[in-house]
Amino acid sequence: SDACDLVGGRLLMLSGPEGYCGLVRTGDGAIHAAAAVDAT
């Protein structure tokens, strides 16, 4: 809650040299994060 002000219904995608990470807040309030990261 304090670390991320991600509102429900918003898909947040972070992209950079390391890869990318998607975050979404589900109906129970938890944030689910999934990433694809370079092996190096």
Full PDB file with SEQRES, HELIX, SHEET, SSBOND, CRYST1, ORIGX, SCALE, CONECT and MASTER records, all heavy atoms in Angstrom:
SEQRES   1 A   40  SER ASP ALA CYS ASP LEU VAL GLY GLY ARG LEU LEU MET          
SEQRES   2 A   40  LEU SER GLY PRO GLU GLY TYR CYS GLY LEU VAL ARG THR          
SEQRES   3 A   40  GLY ASP GLY ALA ILE HIS ALA ALA ALA ALA VAL ASP ALA          
SEQRES   4 A   40  THR                                                          
SHEET    1 AA1 3 LEU A  11  GLY A  16  0                                        
SHEET    2 AA1 3 GLY A  19  ARG A  25 -1                                        
SHEET    3 AA1 3 ILE A  31  VAL A  37 -1                                        
CRYST1    1.000    1.000    1.000  90.00  90.00  90.00 P 1           1          
ORIGX1      1.000000  0.000000  0.000000        0.00000                         
ORIGX2      0.000000  1.000000  0.000000        0.00000                         
ORIGX3      0.000000  0.000000  1.000000        0.00000                         
SCALE1      1.000000  0.000000  0.000000        0.00000                         
SCALE2      0.000000  1.000000  0.000000        0.00000                         
SCALE3      0.000000  0.000000  1.000000        0.00000                         
ATOM      1  N   SER A   1       0.812  -1.215   0.000  1.00  0.00           N  
ATOM      2  CA  SER A   1       0.000   0.000   0.000  1.00  0.00           C  
ATOM      3  C   SER A   1       0.845   1.264   0.000  1.00  0.00           C  
ATOM      4  O   SER A   1       0.520   2.244  -0.682  1.00  0.00           O  
ATOM      5  CB  SER A   1      -0.945  -0.010   1.207  1.00  0.00           C  
ATOM      6  OG  SER A   1      -0.191  -0.122   2.406  1.00  0.00           O  
ATOM      7  N   ASP A   2       1.918   1.274   0.758  1.00  0.00           N  
ATOM      8  CA  ASP A   2       2.765   2.470   0.834  1.00  0.00           C  
ATOM      9  C   ASP A   2       3.835   2.494  -0.250  1.00  0.00           C  
ATOM     10  O   ASP A   2       4.307   3.553  -0.646  1.00  0.00           O  
ATOM     11  CB  ASP A   2       3.449   2.547   2.208  1.00  0.00           C  
ATOM     12  CG  ASP A   2       2.443   2.726   3.338  1.00  0.00           C  
ATOM     13  OD1 ASP A   2       1.383   3.319   3.088  1.00  0.00           O  
ATOM     14  OD2 ASP A   2       2.735   2.264   4.455  1.00  0.00           O  
ATOM     15  N   ALA A   3       4.225   1.320  -0.709  1.00  0.00           N  
ATOM     16  CA  ALA A   3       5.315   1.244  -1.675  1.00  0.00           C  
ATOM     17  C   ALA A   3       4.855   1.504  -3.099  1.00  0.00           C  
ATOM     18  O   ALA A   3       5.654   1.881  -3.959  1.00  0.00           O  
ATOM     19  CB  ALA A   3       5.971  -0.132  -1.607  1.00  0.00           C  
ATOM     20  N   CYS A   4       3.572   1.318  -3.376  1.00  0.00           N  
ATOM     21  CA  CYS A   4       3.065   1.473  -4.734  1.00  0.00           C  
ATOM     22  C   CYS A   4       1.632   1.962  -4.690  1.00  0.00           C  
ATOM     23  O   CYS A   4       0.782   1.336  -4.058  1.00  0.00           O  
ATOM     24  CB  CYS A   4       3.161   0.144  -5.484  1.00  0.00           C  
ATOM     25  SG  CYS A   4       2.568   0.223  -7.190  1.00  0.00           S  
ATOM     26  N   ASP A   5       1.366   3.079  -5.344  1.00  0.00           N  
ATOM     27  CA  ASP A   5       0.011   3.629  -5.352  1.00  0.00           C  
ATOM     28  C   ASP A   5      -0.795   3.106  -6.540  1.00  0.00           C  
ATOM     29  O   ASP A   5      -1.635   3.814  -7.096  1.00  0.00           O  
ATOM     30  CB  ASP A   5       0.061   5.168  -5.380  1.00  0.00           C  
ATOM     31  CG  ASP A   5       0.757   5.701  -6.621  1.00  0.00           C  
ATOM     32  OD1 ASP A   5       1.373   4.900  -7.357  1.00  0.00           O  
ATOM     33  OD2 ASP A   5       0.686   6.924  -6.849  1.00  0.00           O  
ATOM     34  N   LEU A   6      -0.547   1.867  -6.908  1.00  0.00           N  
ATOM     35  CA  LEU A   6      -1.217   1.260  -8.055  1.00  0.00           C  
ATOM     36  C   LEU A   6      -2.694   1.059  -7.749  1.00  0.00           C  
ATOM     37  O   LEU A   6      -3.059   0.320  -6.833  1.00  0.00           O  
ATOM     38  CB  LEU A   6      -0.554  -0.085  -8.387  1.00  0.00           C  
ATOM     39  CG  LEU A   6      -1.083  -0.832  -9.602  1.00  0.00           C  
ATOM     40  CD1 LEU A   6      -0.889  -0.015 -10.873  1.00  0.00           C  
ATOM     41  CD2 LEU A   6      -0.386  -2.186  -9.729  1.00  0.00           C  
ATOM     42  N   VAL A   7      -3.534   1.720  -8.506  1.00  0.00           N  
ATOM     43  CA  VAL A   7      -4.967   1.627  -8.274  1.00  0.00           C  
ATOM     44  C   VAL A   7      -5.512   0.359  -8.929  1.00  0.00           C  
ATOM     45  O   VAL A   7      -4.940  -0.175  -9.878  1.00  0.00           O  
ATOM     46  CB  VAL A   7      -5.703   2.863  -8.838  1.00  0.00           C  
ATOM     47  CG1 VAL A   7      -5.230   4.119  -8.137  1.00  0.00           C  
ATOM     48  CG2 VAL A   7      -5.502   2.984 -10.346  1.00  0.00           C  
ATOM     49  N   GLY A   8      -6.604  -0.132  -8.393  1.00  0.00           N  
ATOM     50  CA  GLY A   8      -7.236  -1.311  -8.962  1.00  0.00           C  
ATOM     51  C   GLY A   8      -7.703  -1.049 -10.376  1.00  0.00           C  
ATOM     52  O   GLY A   8      -8.222   0.033 -10.691  1.00  0.00           O  
ATOM     53  N   GLY A   9      -7.525  -2.019 -11.251  1.00  0.00           N  
ATOM     54  CA  GLY A   9      -7.943  -1.884 -12.641  1.00  0.00           C  
ATOM     55  C   GLY A   9      -6.874  -1.347 -13.564  1.00  0.00           C  
ATOM     56  O   GLY A   9      -7.091  -1.276 -14.775  1.00  0.00           O  
ATOM     57  N   ARG A  10      -5.713  -0.983 -13.013  1.00  0.00           N  
ATOM     58  CA  ARG A  10      -4.631  -0.460 -13.850  1.00  0.00           C  
ATOM     59  C   ARG A  10      -3.537  -1.508 -14.000  1.00  0.00           C  
ATOM     60  O   ARG A  10      -3.077  -2.080 -13.010  1.00  0.00           O  
ATOM     61  CB  ARG A  10      -4.046   0.812 -13.261  1.00  0.00           C  
ATOM     62  CG  ARG A  10      -2.732   1.258 -13.930  1.00  0.00           C  
ATOM     63  CD  ARG A  10      -2.357   2.670 -13.601  1.00  0.00           C  
ATOM     64  NE  ARG A  10      -3.312   3.613 -14.195  1.00  0.00           N  
ATOM     65  CZ  ARG A  10      -3.083   4.911 -14.345  1.00  0.00           C  
ATOM     66  NH1 ARG A  10      -1.954   5.445 -13.940  1.00  0.00           N  
ATOM     67  NH2 ARG A  10      -3.990   5.688 -14.888  1.00  0.00           N  
ATOM     68  N   LEU A  11      -3.107  -1.738 -15.221  1.00  0.00           N  
ATOM     69  CA  LEU A  11      -1.962  -2.596 -15.500  1.00  0.00           C  
ATOM     70  C   LEU A  11      -0.742  -1.702 -15.668  1.00  0.00           C  
ATOM     71  O   LEU A  11      -0.691  -0.861 -16.559  1.00  0.00           O  
ATOM     72  CB  LEU A  11      -2.196  -3.421 -16.762  1.00  0.00           C  
ATOM     73  CG  LEU A  11      -1.002  -4.217 -17.294  1.00  0.00           C  
ATOM     74  CD1 LEU A  11      -0.490  -5.199 -16.247  1.00  0.00           C  
ATOM     75  CD2 LEU A  11      -1.361  -4.932 -18.586  1.00  0.00           C  
ATOM     76  N   LEU A  12       0.227  -1.865 -14.782  1.00  0.00           N  
ATOM     77  CA  LEU A  12       1.456  -1.089 -14.809  1.00  0.00           C  
ATOM     78  C   LEU A  12       2.567  -1.948 -15.386  1.00  0.00           C  
ATOM     79  O   LEU A  12       2.836  -3.039 -14.889  1.00  0.00           O  
ATOM     80  CB  LEU A  12       1.827  -0.631 -13.392  1.00  0.00           C  
ATOM     81  CG  LEU A  12       3.214  -0.003 -13.203  1.00  0.00           C  
ATOM     82  CD1 LEU A  12       3.351   1.280 -14.016  1.00  0.00           C  
ATOM     83  CD2 LEU A  12       3.487   0.255 -11.720  1.00  0.00           C  
ATOM     84  N   MET A  13       3.220  -1.451 -16.437  1.00  0.00           N  
ATOM     85  CA  MET A  13       4.319  -2.172 -17.059  1.00  0.00           C  
ATOM     86  C   MET A  13       5.587  -1.336 -16.969  1.00  0.00           C  
ATOM     87  O   MET A  13       5.627  -0.185 -17.412  1.00  0.00           O  
ATOM     88  CB  MET A  13       4.001  -2.469 -18.520  1.00  0.00           C  
ATOM     89  CG  MET A  13       5.015  -3.358 -19.214  1.00  0.00           C  
ATOM     90  SD  MET A  13       5.011  -5.061 -18.586  1.00  0.00           S  
ATOM     91  CE  MET A  13       3.465  -5.666 -19.286  1.00  0.00           C  
ATOM     92  N   LEU A  14       6.626  -1.906 -16.352  1.00  0.00           N  
ATOM     93  CA  LEU A  14       7.926  -1.251 -16.219  1.00  0.00           C  
ATOM     94  C   LEU A  14       8.891  -1.907 -17.184  1.00  0.00           C  
ATOM     95  O   LEU A  14       9.010  -3.137 -17.218  1.00  0.00           O  
ATOM     96  CB  LEU A  14       8.441  -1.375 -14.785  1.00  0.00           C  
ATOM     97  CG  LEU A  14       7.473  -0.978 -13.668  1.00  0.00           C  
ATOM     98  CD1 LEU A  14       8.115  -1.233 -12.309  1.00  0.00           C  
ATOM     99  CD2 LEU A  14       7.045   0.481 -13.808  1.00  0.00           C  
ATOM    100  N   SER A  15       9.610  -1.109 -17.960  1.00  0.00           N  
ATOM    101  CA  SER A  15      10.520  -1.640 -18.967  1.00  0.00           C  
ATOM    102  C   SER A  15      11.889  -0.997 -18.824  1.00  0.00           C  
ATOM    103  O   SER A  15      12.005   0.189 -18.501  1.00  0.00           O  
ATOM    104  CB  SER A  15       9.959  -1.374 -20.364  1.00  0.00           C  
ATOM    105  OG  SER A  15      10.881  -1.748 -21.364  1.00  0.00           O  
ATOM    106  N   GLY A  16      12.922  -1.790 -19.059  1.00  0.00           N  
ATOM    107  CA  GLY A  16      14.285  -1.276 -18.980  1.00  0.00           C  
ATOM    108  C   GLY A  16      15.265  -2.262 -19.571  1.00  0.00           C  
ATOM    109  O   GLY A  16      14.879  -3.311 -20.106  1.00  0.00           O  
ATOM    110  N   PRO A  17      16.564  -1.974 -19.480  1.00  0.00           N  
ATOM    111  CA  PRO A  17      17.577  -2.862 -20.051  1.00  0.00           C  
ATOM    112  C   PRO A  17      17.534  -4.273 -19.476  1.00  0.00           C  
ATOM    113  O   PRO A  17      17.908  -5.240 -20.154  1.00  0.00           O  
ATOM    114  CB  PRO A  17      18.896  -2.161 -19.700  1.00  0.00           C  
ATOM    115  CG  PRO A  17      18.529  -0.740 -19.467  1.00  0.00           C  
ATOM    116  CD  PRO A  17      17.154  -0.753 -18.888  1.00  0.00           C  
ATOM    117  N   GLU A  18      17.098  -4.395 -18.231  1.00  0.00           N  
ATOM    118  CA  GLU A  18      17.064  -5.708 -17.590  1.00  0.00           C  
ATOM    119  C   GLU A  18      15.929  -6.595 -18.098  1.00  0.00           C  
ATOM    120  O   GLU A  18      15.976  -7.814 -17.960  1.00  0.00           O  
ATOM    121  CB  GLU A  18      16.930  -5.567 -16.071  1.00  0.00           C  
ATOM    122  CG  GLU A  18      18.082  -4.872 -15.385  1.00  0.00           C  
ATOM    123  CD  GLU A  18      18.011  -3.352 -15.541  1.00  0.00           C  
ATOM    124  OE1 GLU A  18      16.954  -2.842 -15.984  1.00  0.00           O  
ATOM    125  OE2 GLU A  18      19.025  -2.699 -15.241  1.00  0.00           O  
ATOM    126  N   GLY A  19      14.888  -5.976 -18.647  1.00  0.00           N  
ATOM    127  CA  GLY A  19      13.712  -6.712 -19.092  1.00  0.00           C  
ATOM    128  C   GLY A  19      12.461  -5.895 -18.824  1.00  0.00           C  
ATOM    129  O   GLY A  19      12.463  -4.669 -18.973  1.00  0.00           O  
ATOM    130  N   TYR A  20      11.403  -6.540 -18.379  1.00  0.00           N  
ATOM    131  CA  TYR A  20      10.183  -5.814 -18.056  1.00  0.00           C  
ATOM    132  C   TYR A  20       9.426  -6.539 -16.962  1.00  0.00           C  
ATOM    133  O   TYR A  20       9.600  -7.734 -16.724  1.00  0.00           O  
ATOM    134  CB  TYR A  20       9.301  -5.612 -19.292  1.00  0.00           C  
ATOM    135  CG  TYR A  20       8.991  -6.862 -20.072  1.00  0.00           C  
ATOM    136  CD1 TYR A  20       7.900  -7.670 -19.745  1.00  0.00           C  
ATOM    137  CD2 TYR A  20       9.778  -7.228 -21.159  1.00  0.00           C  
ATOM    138  CE1 TYR A  20       7.611  -8.810 -20.469  1.00  0.00           C  
ATOM    139  CE2 TYR A  20       9.496  -8.373 -21.891  1.00  0.00           C  
ATOM    140  CZ  TYR A  20       8.410  -9.162 -21.542  1.00  0.00           C  
ATOM    141  OH  TYR A  20       8.124 -10.293 -22.247  1.00  0.00           O  
ATOM    142  N   CYS A  21       8.566  -5.772 -16.288  1.00  0.00           N  
ATOM    143  CA  CYS A  21       7.788  -6.311 -15.172  1.00  0.00           C  
ATOM    144  C   CYS A  21       6.405  -5.694 -15.205  1.00  0.00           C  
ATOM    145  O   CYS A  21       6.259  -4.470 -15.292  1.00  0.00           O  
ATOM    146  CB  CYS A  21       8.479  -6.003 -13.837  1.00  0.00           C  
ATOM    147  SG  CYS A  21       7.591  -6.611 -12.369  1.00  0.00           S  
ATOM    148  N   GLY A  22       5.375  -6.524 -15.159  1.00  0.00           N  
ATOM    149  CA  GLY A  22       4.002  -6.052 -15.116  1.00  0.00           C  
ATOM    150  C   GLY A  22       3.426  -6.236 -13.724  1.00  0.00           C  
ATOM    151  O   GLY A  22       3.675  -7.255 -13.067  1.00  0.00           O  
ATOM    152  N   LEU A  23       2.670  -5.240 -13.267  1.00  0.00           N  
ATOM    153  CA  LEU A  23       2.053  -5.302 -11.946  1.00  0.00           C  
ATOM    154  C   LEU A  23       0.595  -4.916 -12.054  1.00  0.00           C  
ATOM    155  O   LEU A  23       0.230  -3.972 -12.782  1.00  0.00           O  
ATOM    156  CB  LEU A  23       2.754  -4.366 -10.957  1.00  0.00           C  
ATOM    157  CG  LEU A  23       4.250  -4.586 -10.728  1.00  0.00           C  
ATOM    158  CD1 LEU A  23       5.047  -3.576 -11.553  1.00  0.00           C  
ATOM    159  CD2 LEU A  23       4.611  -4.431  -9.256  1.00  0.00           C  
ATOM    160  N   VAL A  24      -0.260  -5.622 -11.324  1.00  0.00           N  
ATOM    161  CA  VAL A  24      -1.680  -5.318 -11.310  1.00  0.00           C  
ATOM    162  C   VAL A  24      -2.238  -5.653  -9.932  1.00  0.00           C  
ATOM    163  O   VAL A  24      -1.819  -6.629  -9.307  1.00  0.00           O  
ATOM    164  CB  VAL A  24      -2.422  -6.105 -12.424  1.00  0.00           C  
ATOM    165  CG1 VAL A  24      -2.367  -7.598 -12.174  1.00  0.00           C  
ATOM    166  CG2 VAL A  24      -3.853  -5.632 -12.574  1.00  0.00           C  
ATOM    167  N   ARG A  25      -3.147  -4.805  -9.446  1.00  0.00           N  
ATOM    168  CA  ARG A  25      -3.777  -5.049  -8.143  1.00  0.00           C  
ATOM    169  C   ARG A  25      -5.097  -5.780  -8.381  1.00  0.00           C  
ATOM    170  O   ARG A  25      -5.976  -5.292  -9.081  1.00  0.00           O  
ATOM    171  CB  ARG A  25      -4.022  -3.726  -7.401  1.00  0.00           C  
ATOM    172  CG  ARG A  25      -4.407  -3.919  -5.932  1.00  0.00           C  
ATOM    173  CD  ARG A  25      -4.672  -2.585  -5.248  1.00  0.00           C  
ATOM    174  NE  ARG A  25      -3.496  -1.745  -5.163  1.00  0.00           N  
ATOM    175  CZ  ARG A  25      -2.567  -1.833  -4.203  1.00  0.00           C  
ATOM    176  NH1 ARG A  25      -2.676  -2.755  -3.270  1.00  0.00           N  
ATOM    177  NH2 ARG A  25      -1.534  -1.017  -4.202  1.00  0.00           N  
ATOM    178  N   THR A  26      -5.216  -6.958  -7.800  1.00  0.00           N  
ATOM    179  CA  THR A  26      -6.421  -7.762  -7.976  1.00  0.00           C  
ATOM    180  C   THR A  26      -7.499  -7.338  -6.980  1.00  0.00           C  
ATOM    181  O   THR A  26      -7.281  -6.489  -6.116  1.00  0.00           O  
ATOM    182  CB  THR A  26      -6.096  -9.256  -7.822  1.00  0.00           C  
ATOM    183  OG1 THR A  26      -5.334  -9.457  -6.628  1.00  0.00           O  
ATOM    184  CG2 THR A  26      -5.293  -9.753  -9.000  1.00  0.00           C  
ATOM    185  N   GLY A  27      -8.663  -7.969  -7.089  1.00  0.00           N  
ATOM    186  CA  GLY A  27      -9.814  -7.556  -6.294  1.00  0.00           C  
ATOM    187  C   GLY A  27      -9.638  -7.713  -4.801  1.00  0.00           C  
ATOM    188  O   GLY A  27     -10.355  -7.085  -4.021  1.00  0.00           O  
ATOM    189  N   ASP A  28      -8.699  -8.548  -4.347  1.00  0.00           N  
ATOM    190  CA  ASP A  28      -8.458  -8.722  -2.918  1.00  0.00           C  
ATOM    191  C   ASP A  28      -7.438  -7.738  -2.372  1.00  0.00           C  
ATOM    192  O   ASP A  28      -7.075  -7.805  -1.195  1.00  0.00           O  
ATOM    193  CB  ASP A  28      -8.008 -10.154  -2.628  1.00  0.00           C  
ATOM    194  CG  ASP A  28      -6.746 -10.537  -3.400  1.00  0.00           C  
ATOM    195  OD1 ASP A  28      -6.290  -9.728  -4.247  1.00  0.00           O  
ATOM    196  OD2 ASP A  28      -6.218 -11.642  -3.171  1.00  0.00           O  
ATOM    197  N   GLY A  29      -6.954  -6.818  -3.210  1.00  0.00           N  
ATOM    198  CA  GLY A  29      -6.014  -5.799  -2.771  1.00  0.00           C  
ATOM    199  C   GLY A  29      -4.556  -6.152  -2.961  1.00  0.00           C  
ATOM    200  O   GLY A  29      -3.695  -5.280  -2.845  1.00  0.00           O  
ATOM    201  N   ALA A  30      -4.235  -7.398  -3.239  1.00  0.00           N  
ATOM    202  CA  ALA A  30      -2.845  -7.804  -3.446  1.00  0.00           C  
ATOM    203  C   ALA A  30      -2.352  -7.335  -4.808  1.00  0.00           C  
ATOM    204  O   ALA A  30      -3.137  -7.150  -5.744  1.00  0.00           O  
ATOM    205  CB  ALA A  30      -2.707  -9.315  -3.330  1.00  0.00           C  
ATOM    206  N   ILE A  31      -1.052  -7.115  -4.917  1.00  0.00           N  
ATOM    207  CA  ILE A  31      -0.438  -6.786  -6.197  1.00  0.00           C  
ATOM    208  C   ILE A  31       0.274  -8.023  -6.725  1.00  0.00           C  
ATOM    209  O   ILE A  31       1.119  -8.607  -6.041  1.00  0.00           O  
ATOM    210  CB  ILE A  31       0.556  -5.616  -6.070  1.00  0.00           C  
ATOM    211  CG1 ILE A  31      -0.194  -4.316  -5.796  1.00  0.00           C  
ATOM    212  CG2 ILE A  31       1.384  -5.475  -7.351  1.00  0.00           C  
ATOM    213  CD1 ILE A  31       0.700  -3.106  -5.648  1.00  0.00           C  
ATOM    214  N   HIS A  32      -0.083  -8.428  -7.934  1.00  0.00           N  
ATOM    215  CA  HIS A  32       0.567  -9.561  -8.585  1.00  0.00           C  
ATOM    216  C   HIS A  32       1.581  -9.006  -9.584  1.00  0.00           C  
ATOM    217  O   HIS A  32       1.241  -8.165 -10.416  1.00  0.00           O  
ATOM    218  CB  HIS A  32      -0.459 -10.432  -9.299  1.00  0.00           C  
ATOM    219  CG  HIS A  32      -1.350 -11.184  -8.364  1.00  0.00           C  
ATOM    220  ND1 HIS A  32      -1.314 -12.557  -8.243  1.00  0.00           N  
ATOM    221  CD2 HIS A  32      -2.295 -10.755  -7.484  1.00  0.00           C  
ATOM    222  CE1 HIS A  32      -2.194 -12.945  -7.331  1.00  0.00           C  
ATOM    223  NE2 HIS A  32      -2.804 -11.872  -6.865  1.00  0.00           N  
ATOM    224  N   ALA A  33       2.808  -9.469  -9.483  1.00  0.00           N  
ATOM    225  CA  ALA A  33       3.883  -9.012 -10.350  1.00  0.00           C  
ATOM    226  C   ALA A  33       4.422 -10.180 -11.153  1.00  0.00           C  
ATOM    227  O   ALA A  33       4.595 -11.284 -10.623  1.00  0.00           O  
ATOM    228  CB  ALA A  33       5.008  -8.390  -9.526  1.00  0.00           C  
ATOM    229  N   ALA A  34       4.668  -9.959 -12.425  1.00  0.00           N  
ATOM    230  CA  ALA A  34       5.266 -10.970 -13.293  1.00  0.00           C  
ATOM    231  C   ALA A  34       6.305 -10.286 -14.162  1.00  0.00           C  
ATOM    232  O   ALA A  34       6.048  -9.205 -14.703  1.00  0.00           O  
ATOM    233  CB  ALA A  34       4.214 -11.652 -14.158  1.00  0.00           C  
ATOM    234  N   ALA A  35       7.478 -10.890 -14.269  1.00  0.00           N  
ATOM    235  CA  ALA A  35       8.589 -10.256 -14.967  1.00  0.00           C  
ATOM    236  C   ALA A  35       9.239 -11.208 -15.950  1.00  0.00           C  
ATOM    237  O   ALA A  35       9.168 -12.433 -15.802  1.00  0.00           O  
ATOM    238  CB  ALA A  35       9.635  -9.764 -13.957  1.00  0.00           C  
ATOM    239  N   ALA A  36       9.870 -10.639 -16.973  1.00  0.00           N  
ATOM    240  CA  ALA A  36      10.735 -11.358 -17.899  1.00  0.00           C  
ATOM    241  C   ALA A  36      12.072 -10.637 -17.876  1.00  0.00           C  
ATOM    242  O   ALA A  36      12.152  -9.455 -18.249  1.00  0.00           O  
ATOM    243  CB  ALA A  36      10.147 -11.379 -19.308  1.00  0.00           C  
ATOM    244  N   VAL A  37      13.118 -11.308 -17.423  1.00  0.00           N  
ATOM    245  CA  VAL A  37      14.395 -10.661 -17.147  1.00  0.00           C  
ATOM    246  C   VAL A  37      15.505 -11.369 -17.899  1.00  0.00           C  
ATOM    247  O   VAL A  37      15.509 -12.603 -18.016  1.00  0.00           O  
ATOM    248  CB  VAL A  37      14.695 -10.676 -15.628  1.00  0.00           C  
ATOM    249  CG1 VAL A  37      15.971  -9.899 -15.320  1.00  0.00           C  
ATOM    250  CG2 VAL A  37      13.522 -10.099 -14.848  1.00  0.00           C  
ATOM    251  N   ASP A  38      16.458 -10.587 -18.411  1.00  0.00           N  
ATOM    252  CA  ASP A  38      17.597 -11.165 -19.111  1.00  0.00           C  
ATOM    253  C   ASP A  38      18.398 -12.060 -18.176  1.00  0.00           C  
ATOM    254  O   ASP A  38      18.664 -11.705 -17.023  1.00  0.00           O  
ATOM    255  CB  ASP A  38      18.501 -10.059 -19.662  1.00  0.00           C  
ATOM    256  CG  ASP A  38      17.912  -9.387 -20.892  1.00  0.00           C  
ATOM    257  OD1 ASP A  38      17.160 -10.048 -21.625  1.00  0.00           O  
ATOM    258  OD2 ASP A  38      18.205  -8.195 -21.113  1.00  0.00           O  
ATOM    259  N   ALA A  39      18.807 -13.197 -18.693  1.00  0.00           N  
ATOM    260  CA  ALA A  39      19.548 -14.161 -17.879  1.00  0.00           C  
ATOM    261  C   ALA A  39      20.860 -13.581 -17.374  1.00  0.00           C  
ATOM    262  O   ALA A  39      21.304 -13.899 -16.263  1.00  0.00           O  
ATOM    263  CB  ALA A  39      19.805 -15.431 -18.689  1.00  0.00           C  
ATOM    264  N   THR A  40      21.482 -12.703 -18.165  1.00  0.00           N  
ATOM    265  CA  THR A  40      22.750 -12.111 -17.732  1.00  0.00           C  
ATOM    266  C   THR A  40      22.556 -11.239 -16.493  1.00  0.00           C  
ATOM    267  O   THR A  40      23.395 -11.241 -15.588  1.00  0.00           O  
ATOM    268  CB  THR A  40      23.358 -11.274 -18.863  1.00  0.00           C  
ATOM    269  OG1 THR A  40      22.380 -10.333 -19.352  1.00  0.00           O  
ATOM    270  CG2 THR A  40      23.815 -12.156 -20.007  1.00  0.00           C  
TER     271      THR A  40                                                      
MASTER        0    0    0    0    3    0    0    6  270    1    0    4          
END                                                                             
